[in-house]
C-alpha atoms as a PDB file:
ATOM      1  CA  MET A   1      84.653  57.809  97.914  1.00  0.00           C
ATOM      2  CA  LYS A   2      84.641  58.309 101.683  1.00  0.00           C
ATOM      3  CA  ILE A   3      86.342  55.847 104.040  1.00  0.00           C
ATOM      4  CA  ALA A   4      85.306  55.466 107.683  1.00  0.00           C
ATOM      5  CA  VAL A   5      88.353  54.652 109.798  1.00  0.00           C
ATOM      6  CA  PHE A   6      88.516  53.126 113.269  1.00  0.00           C
ATOM      7  CA  GLY A   7      91.896  52.980 114.994  1.00  0.00           C
ATOM      8  CA  ALA A   8      92.993  55.996 112.955  1.00  0.00           C
ATOM      9  CA  THR A   9      95.778  57.108 115.302  1.00  0.00           C
ATOM     10  CA  GLY A  10      97.286  53.635 115.654  1.00  0.00           C
ATOM     11  CA  ARG A  11     100.536  52.524 114.032  1.00  0.00           C
ATOM     12  CA  VAL A  12      98.885  51.070 110.925  1.00  0.00           C
ATOM     13  CA  GLY A  13      95.679  53.100 110.946  1.00  0.00           C
ATOM     14  CA  SER A  14      97.432  56.471 110.863  1.00  0.00           C
ATOM     15  CA  LEU A  15      99.456  55.398 107.815  1.00  0.00           C
ATOM     16  CA  VAL A  16      96.330  54.119 106.058  1.00  0.00           C
ATOM     17  CA  VAL A  17      94.651  57.496 106.641  1.00  0.00           C
ATOM     18  CA  LYS A  18      97.658  59.312 105.157  1.00  0.00           C
ATOM     19  CA  HIS A  19      97.708  56.984 102.124  1.00  0.00           C
ATOM     20  CA  ALA A  20      93.981  57.443 101.578  1.00  0.00           C
ATOM     21  CA  ILE A  21      94.125  61.243 101.748  1.00  0.00           C
ATOM     22  CA  LYS A  22      97.166  61.309  99.453  1.00  0.00           C
ATOM     23  CA  ARG A  23      95.236  59.230  96.910  1.00  0.00           C
ATOM     24  CA  GLY A  24      92.309  61.632  97.008  1.00  0.00           C
ATOM     25  CA  PHE A  25      89.876  59.732  99.233  1.00  0.00           C
ATOM     26  CA  ALA A  26      87.841  61.506 101.889  1.00  0.00           C
ATOM     27  CA  VAL A  27      88.430  60.074 105.368  1.00  0.00           C
ATOM     28  CA  LYS A  28      86.162  60.209 108.400  1.00  0.00           C
ATOM     29  CA  ALA A  29      87.837  58.954 111.568  1.00  0.00           C
ATOM     30  CA  LEU A  30      86.493  58.139 115.020  1.00  0.00           C
ATOM     31  CA  VAL A  31      89.073  59.267 117.579  1.00  0.00           C
ATOM     32  CA  ARG A  32      89.235  59.706 121.327  1.00  0.00           C
ATOM     33  CA  ASP A  33      91.671  62.629 121.394  1.00  0.00           C
ATOM     34  CA  ARG A  34      91.002  65.400 118.867  1.00  0.00           C
ATOM     35  CA  SER A  35      94.264  67.304 119.377  1.00  0.00           C
ATOM     36  CA  LYS A  36      96.356  64.137 118.997  1.00  0.00           C
ATOM     37  CA  ALA A  37      94.443  63.189 115.848  1.00  0.00           C
ATOM     38  CA  GLU A  38      94.730  66.664 114.329  1.00  0.00           C
ATOM     39  CA  ALA A  39      98.505  66.429 114.692  1.00  0.00           C
ATOM     40  CA  MET A  40      98.780  62.828 113.432  1.00  0.00           C
ATOM     41  CA  ILE A  41      96.252  62.703 110.587  1.00  0.00           C
ATOM     42  CA  PRO A  42      95.694  66.216 109.209  1.00  0.00           C
ATOM     43  CA  GLY A  43      93.032  66.341 106.525  1.00  0.00           C
ATOM     44  CA  ALA A  44      90.740  63.729 108.053  1.00  0.00           C
ATOM     45  CA  GLU A  45      87.238  64.604 109.226  1.00  0.00           C
ATOM     46  CA  LEU A  46      87.213  63.785 112.930  1.00  0.00           C
ATOM     47  CA  ILE A  47      84.439  62.405 115.103  1.00  0.00           C
ATOM     48  CA  VAL A  48      85.308  62.348 118.805  1.00  0.00           C
ATOM     49  CA  GLY A  49      83.994  59.319 120.641  1.00  0.00           C
ATOM     50  CA  ASP A  50      84.519  55.659 121.468  1.00  0.00           C
ATOM     51  CA  THR A  51      84.087  52.645 119.192  1.00  0.00           C
ATOM     52  CA  LYS A  52      82.443  50.840 122.099  1.00  0.00           C
ATOM     53  CA  GLU A  53      79.498  53.243 121.783  1.00  0.00           C
ATOM     54  CA  GLU A  54      77.090  52.499 118.935  1.00  0.00           C
ATOM     55  CA  ALA A  55      76.033  56.150 118.590  1.00  0.00           C
ATOM     56  CA  ALA A  56      79.637  57.174 117.883  1.00  0.00           C
ATOM     57  CA  VAL A  57      80.013  54.361 115.352  1.00  0.00           C
ATOM     58  CA  ARG A  58      76.786  55.424 113.640  1.00  0.00           C
ATOM     59  CA  GLN A  59      77.931  59.044 113.411  1.00  0.00           C
ATOM     60  CA  THR A  60      81.256  57.939 111.936  1.00  0.00           C
ATOM     61  CA  LEU A  61      79.702  55.688 109.285  1.00  0.00           C
ATOM     62  CA  ASP A  62      77.166  58.284 108.180  1.00  0.00           C
ATOM     63  CA  GLY A  63      77.900  59.206 104.559  1.00  0.00           C
ATOM     64  CA  CYS A  64      80.741  56.700 104.137  1.00  0.00           C
ATOM     65  CA  ASP A  65      81.186  54.102 101.391  1.00  0.00           C
ATOM     66  CA  LEU A  66      83.556  51.618 103.007  1.00  0.00           C
ATOM     67  CA  VAL A  67      85.192  50.905 106.349  1.00  0.00           C
ATOM     68  CA  PHE A  68      88.755  50.331 107.517  1.00  0.00           C
ATOM     69  CA  SER A  69      89.610  49.147 111.022  1.00  0.00           C
ATOM     70  CA  GLY A  70      93.069  49.259 112.518  1.00  0.00           C
ATOM     71  CA  LEU A  71      91.692  48.698 116.020  1.00  0.00           C
ATOM     72  CA  SER A  72      93.886  46.755 118.412  1.00  0.00           C
ATOM     73  CA  THR A  73      92.889  45.004 121.595  1.00  0.00           C
ATOM     74  CA  ASP A  74      94.620  47.477 123.942  1.00  0.00           C
ATOM     75  CA  LYS A  75      94.601  44.446 126.286  1.00  0.00           C
ATOM     76  CA  THR A  76      90.858  45.013 126.692  1.00  0.00           C
ATOM     77  CA  ASP A  77      87.674  43.837 124.967  1.00  0.00           C
ATOM     78  CA  THR A  78      87.726  46.796 122.534  1.00  0.00           C
ATOM     79  CA  LEU A  79      87.473  44.551 119.477  1.00  0.00           C
ATOM     80  CA  THR A  80      84.708  42.249 120.630  1.00  0.00           C
ATOM     81  CA  THR A  81      82.679  45.144 122.027  1.00  0.00           C
ATOM     82  CA  SER A  82      83.133  47.426 119.006  1.00  0.00           C
ATOM     83  CA  PHE A  83      82.657  45.043 116.088  1.00  0.00           C
ATOM     84  CA  PRO A  84      79.030  44.100 116.767  1.00  0.00           C
ATOM     85  CA  HIS A  85      78.257  47.843 116.601  1.00  0.00           C
ATOM     86  CA  ILE A  86      80.304  48.301 113.423  1.00  0.00           C
ATOM     87  CA  ILE A  87      78.678  45.326 111.672  1.00  0.00           C
ATOM     88  CA  ARG A  88      75.160  46.264 112.742  1.00  0.00           C
ATOM     89  CA  VAL A  89      75.483  49.910 111.656  1.00  0.00           C
ATOM     90  CA  MET A  90      77.160  48.964 108.365  1.00  0.00           C
ATOM     91  CA  LYS A  91      74.153  46.786 107.534  1.00  0.00           C
ATOM     92  CA  GLU A  92      71.765  49.507 108.656  1.00  0.00           C
ATOM     93  CA  LYS A  93      73.445  52.046 106.356  1.00  0.00           C
ATOM     94  CA  GLY A  94      73.926  49.688 103.417  1.00  0.00           C
ATOM     95  CA  ILE A  95      77.736  49.694 103.590  1.00  0.00           C
ATOM     96  CA  SER A  96      79.068  46.297 102.541  1.00  0.00           C
ATOM     97  CA  ARG A  97      82.866  46.603 102.375  1.00  0.00           C
ATOM     98  CA  ILE A  98      85.256  46.453 105.340  1.00  0.00           C
ATOM     99  CA  VAL A  99      89.019  45.864 105.455  1.00  0.00           C
ATOM    100  CA  THR A 100      90.478  45.235 108.890  1.00  0.00           C
ATOM    101  CA  ILE A 101      93.871  44.459 110.409  1.00  0.00           C
ATOM    102  CA  GLY A 102      94.007  41.169 112.296  1.00  0.00           C
ATOM    103  CA  THR A 103      96.948  39.074 113.401  1.00  0.00           C
ATOM    104  CA  ALA A 104      98.782  36.091 111.916  1.00  0.00           C
ATOM    105  CA  GLY A 105      97.610  34.109 114.935  1.00  0.00           C
ATOM    106  CA  ILE A 106      94.110  33.780 113.441  1.00  0.00           C
ATOM    107  CA  LEU A 107      95.332  32.290 110.178  1.00  0.00           C
ATOM    108  CA  ASN A 108      94.935  28.557 109.634  1.00  0.00           C
ATOM    109  CA  SER A 109      97.595  26.274 111.049  1.00  0.00           C
ATOM    110  CA  ARG A 110      99.717  24.596 108.381  1.00  0.00           C
ATOM    111  CA  HIS A 111     100.131  21.411 110.369  1.00  0.00           C
ATOM    112  CA  GLU A 112      97.067  21.016 112.582  1.00  0.00           C
ATOM    113  CA  GLU A 113      93.833  20.874 110.613  1.00  0.00           C
ATOM    114  CA  GLY A 114      90.996  22.954 111.983  1.00  0.00           C
ATOM    115  CA  LYS A 115      93.128  25.070 114.317  1.00  0.00           C
ATOM    116  CA  PHE A 116      94.230  28.686 114.280  1.00  0.00           C
ATOM    117  CA  ARG A 117      97.983  29.315 114.384  1.00  0.00           C
ATOM    118  CA  PHE A 118      97.705  30.798 117.883  1.00  0.00           C
ATOM    119  CA  GLU A 119      96.293  27.466 119.091  1.00  0.00           C
ATOM    120  CA  THR A 120      99.430  25.610 117.953  1.00  0.00           C
ATOM    121  CA  ASN A 121     103.191  25.832 118.396  1.00  0.00           C
ATOM    122  CA  GLU A 122     103.414  27.691 115.061  1.00  0.00           C
ATOM    123  CA  SER A 123     102.783  30.831 117.098  1.00  0.00           C
ATOM    124  CA  LYS A 124     105.580  31.985 119.391  1.00  0.00           C
ATOM    125  CA  ARG A 125     103.305  34.128 121.558  1.00  0.00           C
ATOM    126  CA  LYS A 126     102.586  32.748 125.012  1.00  0.00           C
ATOM    127  CA  GLN A 127      99.736  35.192 125.670  1.00  0.00           C
ATOM    128  CA  THR A 128      96.686  34.450 123.516  1.00  0.00           C
ATOM    129  CA  PHE A 129      94.205  37.129 124.653  1.00  0.00           C
ATOM    130  CA  ALA A 130      94.760  39.401 121.640  1.00  0.00           C
ATOM    131  CA  ALA A 131      94.517  36.521 119.176  1.00  0.00           C
ATOM    132  CA  GLU A 132      91.329  35.287 120.821  1.00  0.00           C
ATOM    133  CA  GLU A 133      89.805  38.766 120.445  1.00  0.00           C
ATOM    134  CA  HIS A 134      90.807  38.880 116.768  1.00  0.00           C
ATOM    135  CA  ALA A 135      89.449  35.354 116.252  1.00  0.00           C
ATOM    136  CA  GLN A 136      86.088  36.460 117.604  1.00  0.00           C
ATOM    137  CA  VAL A 137      86.060  39.389 115.153  1.00  0.00           C
ATOM    138  CA  TYR A 138      86.769  36.902 112.352  1.00  0.00           C
ATOM    139  CA  ARG A 139      83.814  34.773 113.463  1.00  0.00           C
ATOM    140  CA  LEU A 140      81.541  37.826 113.629  1.00  0.00           C
ATOM    141  CA  LEU A 141      82.529  38.919 110.123  1.00  0.00           C
ATOM    142  CA  GLN A 142      82.271  35.368 108.802  1.00  0.00           C
ATOM    143  CA  ALA A 143      78.695  35.163 110.111  1.00  0.00           C
ATOM    144  CA  SER A 144      77.760  38.477 108.503  1.00  0.00           C
ATOM    145  CA  ASP A 145      76.914  39.023 104.845  1.00  0.00           C
ATOM    146  CA  LEU A 146      79.486  41.812 104.545  1.00  0.00           C
ATOM    147  CA  GLU A 147      82.304  41.887 102.003  1.00  0.00           C
ATOM    148  CA  TRP A 148      85.133  41.690 104.529  1.00  0.00           C
ATOM    149  CA  THR A 149      88.881  41.148 104.274  1.00  0.00           C
ATOM    150  CA  ILE A 150      91.166  40.619 107.274  1.00  0.00           C
ATOM    151  CA  ILE A 151      94.817  41.497 106.651  1.00  0.00           C
ATOM    152  CA  CYS A 152      96.911  39.342 109.008  1.00  0.00           C
ATOM    153  CA  PRO A 153     100.505  40.525 109.443  1.00  0.00           C
ATOM    154  CA  THR A 154     103.065  38.528 111.361  1.00  0.00           C
ATOM    155  CA  TYR A 155     105.516  40.355 113.710  1.00  0.00           C
ATOM    156  CA  LEU A 156     104.844  44.033 113.010  1.00  0.00           C
ATOM    157  CA  PRO A 157     107.767  46.387 113.760  1.00  0.00           C
ATOM    158  CA  ASP A 158     107.807  50.087 112.963  1.00  0.00           C
ATOM    159  CA  GLY A 159     109.711  50.965 109.810  1.00  0.00           C
ATOM    160  CA  GLY A 160     109.433  51.959 106.170  1.00  0.00           C
ATOM    161  CA  LYS A 161     109.166  49.944 102.982  1.00  0.00           C
ATOM    162  CA  GLU A 162     111.479  47.005 103.346  1.00  0.00           C
ATOM    163  CA  GLY A 163     110.983  44.388 100.664  1.00  0.00           C
ATOM    164  CA  ILE A 164     108.685  42.302  98.518  1.00  0.00           C
ATOM    165  CA  VAL A 165     105.494  41.521 100.399  1.00  0.00           C
ATOM    166  CA  ARG A 166     104.471  37.869 100.232  1.00  0.00           C
ATOM    167  CA  TYR A 167     100.896  36.874 100.909  1.00  0.00           C
ATOM    168  CA  GLU A 168      98.792  33.736 101.172  1.00  0.00           C
ATOM    169  CA  ILE A 169      95.061  33.231 101.554  1.00  0.00           C
ATOM    170  CA  ASN A 170      94.067  32.025 105.048  1.00  0.00           C
ATOM    171  CA  LYS A 171      97.651  31.038 105.948  1.00  0.00           C
ATOM    172  CA  LEU A 172     100.980  32.717 106.685  1.00  0.00           C
ATOM    173  CA  PRO A 173     103.530  32.253 103.877  1.00  0.00           C
ATOM    174  CA  GLU A 174     106.273  29.760 104.728  1.00  0.00           C
ATOM    175  CA  ASP A 175     109.053  31.137 106.953  1.00  0.00           C
ATOM    176  CA  GLY A 176     107.374  34.541 107.281  1.00  0.00           C
ATOM    177  CA  LYS A 177     109.070  36.422 110.118  1.00  0.00           C
ATOM    178  CA  LYS A 178     107.955  40.052 109.955  1.00  0.00           C
ATOM    179  CA  ILE A 179     106.470  42.926 107.959  1.00  0.00           C
ATOM    180  CA  THR A 180     106.672  46.643 108.766  1.00  0.00           C
ATOM    181  CA  VAL A 181     103.717  48.857 109.571  1.00  0.00           C
ATOM    182  CA  THR A 182     104.411  50.821 106.371  1.00  0.00           C
ATOM    183  CA  ASP A 183     104.152  47.812 104.061  1.00  0.00           C
ATOM    184  CA  THR A 184     101.129  46.531 105.988  1.00  0.00           C
ATOM    185  CA  ALA A 185      99.331  49.860 105.569  1.00  0.00           C
ATOM    186  CA  GLU A 186     100.110  49.958 101.843  1.00  0.00           C
ATOM    187  CA  PHE A 187      98.827  46.405 101.385  1.00  0.00           C
ATOM    188  CA  ALA A 188      95.611  47.280 103.231  1.00  0.00           C
ATOM    189  CA  MET A 189      95.107  50.462 101.208  1.00  0.00           C
ATOM    190  CA  GLN A 190      95.559  48.560  97.951  1.00  0.00           C
ATOM    191  CA  GLU A 191      93.030  45.957  99.077  1.00  0.00           C
ATOM    192  CA  MET A 192      90.476  48.697  99.706  1.00  0.00           C
ATOM    193  CA  ILE A 193      90.971  49.821  96.112  1.00  0.00           C
ATOM    194  CA  ASP A 194      91.226  46.425  94.386  1.00  0.00           C
ATOM    195  CA  SER A 195      89.026  44.135  96.528  1.00  0.00           C
ATOM    196  CA  ARG A 196      91.056  41.068  95.549  1.00  0.00           C
ATOM    197  CA  PHE A 197      90.301  39.059  98.688  1.00  0.00           C
ATOM    198  CA  PRO A 198      86.618  39.286  99.700  1.00  0.00           C
ATOM    199  CA  GLN A 199      85.624  37.006 102.603  1.00  0.00           C
ATOM    200  CA  LYS A 200      89.263  36.020 103.120  1.00  0.00           C
ATOM    201  CA  ARG A 201      91.995  36.288 105.712  1.00  0.00           C
ATOM    202  CA  VAL A 202      95.292  37.211 104.069  1.00  0.00           C
ATOM    203  CA  GLY A 203      98.602  36.386 105.742  1.00  0.00           C
ATOM    204  CA  ILE A 204     101.355  38.867 104.876  1.00  0.00           C
ATOM    205  CA  CYS A 205     105.112  38.944 105.525  1.00  0.00           C
ATOM    206  CA  TYR A 206     108.444  39.316 103.696  1.00  0.00           C
END
């Protein structure tokens, strides 16, 4: 099985690539900087380009069976510009499965019906741009007929395996404070293998 990866040199994406290669999957990654990627994710097939360009997305998805995205906002419209391309080309190539990393801000509020966490005081972040971008990706995936899963970690520090990962469908588990990039990447990799949560957002934390 071959996995197309976007955001492959990011904090979570690079770990997902390493997990996938270690487990025997082929990985094809769209990267902007070949030399950086060669150092960070040896063993991956690299396509140099930009996710905002549909031609680069098409080249990356060619021959792949499923998609992983660890794309972040980079304080720009990377997500909302890239995902229409990703969704369109996935449909064109008959690829149905995508696992992506979101944010706990786009999970459902526990206390205010019909709102995302980032729209309530459940979220501690004052800036909402990133959450709004992730929310738009959720809406795009929700409107598609793809088999998508959005993994939604809360505060995401660097670090190794740290504890038992708790999860909840469409909400953040009670009193969830953080989860490391390592445990987030492992959870995402396992979801690509098991497909336990199709068409779901999954809140994860310790």
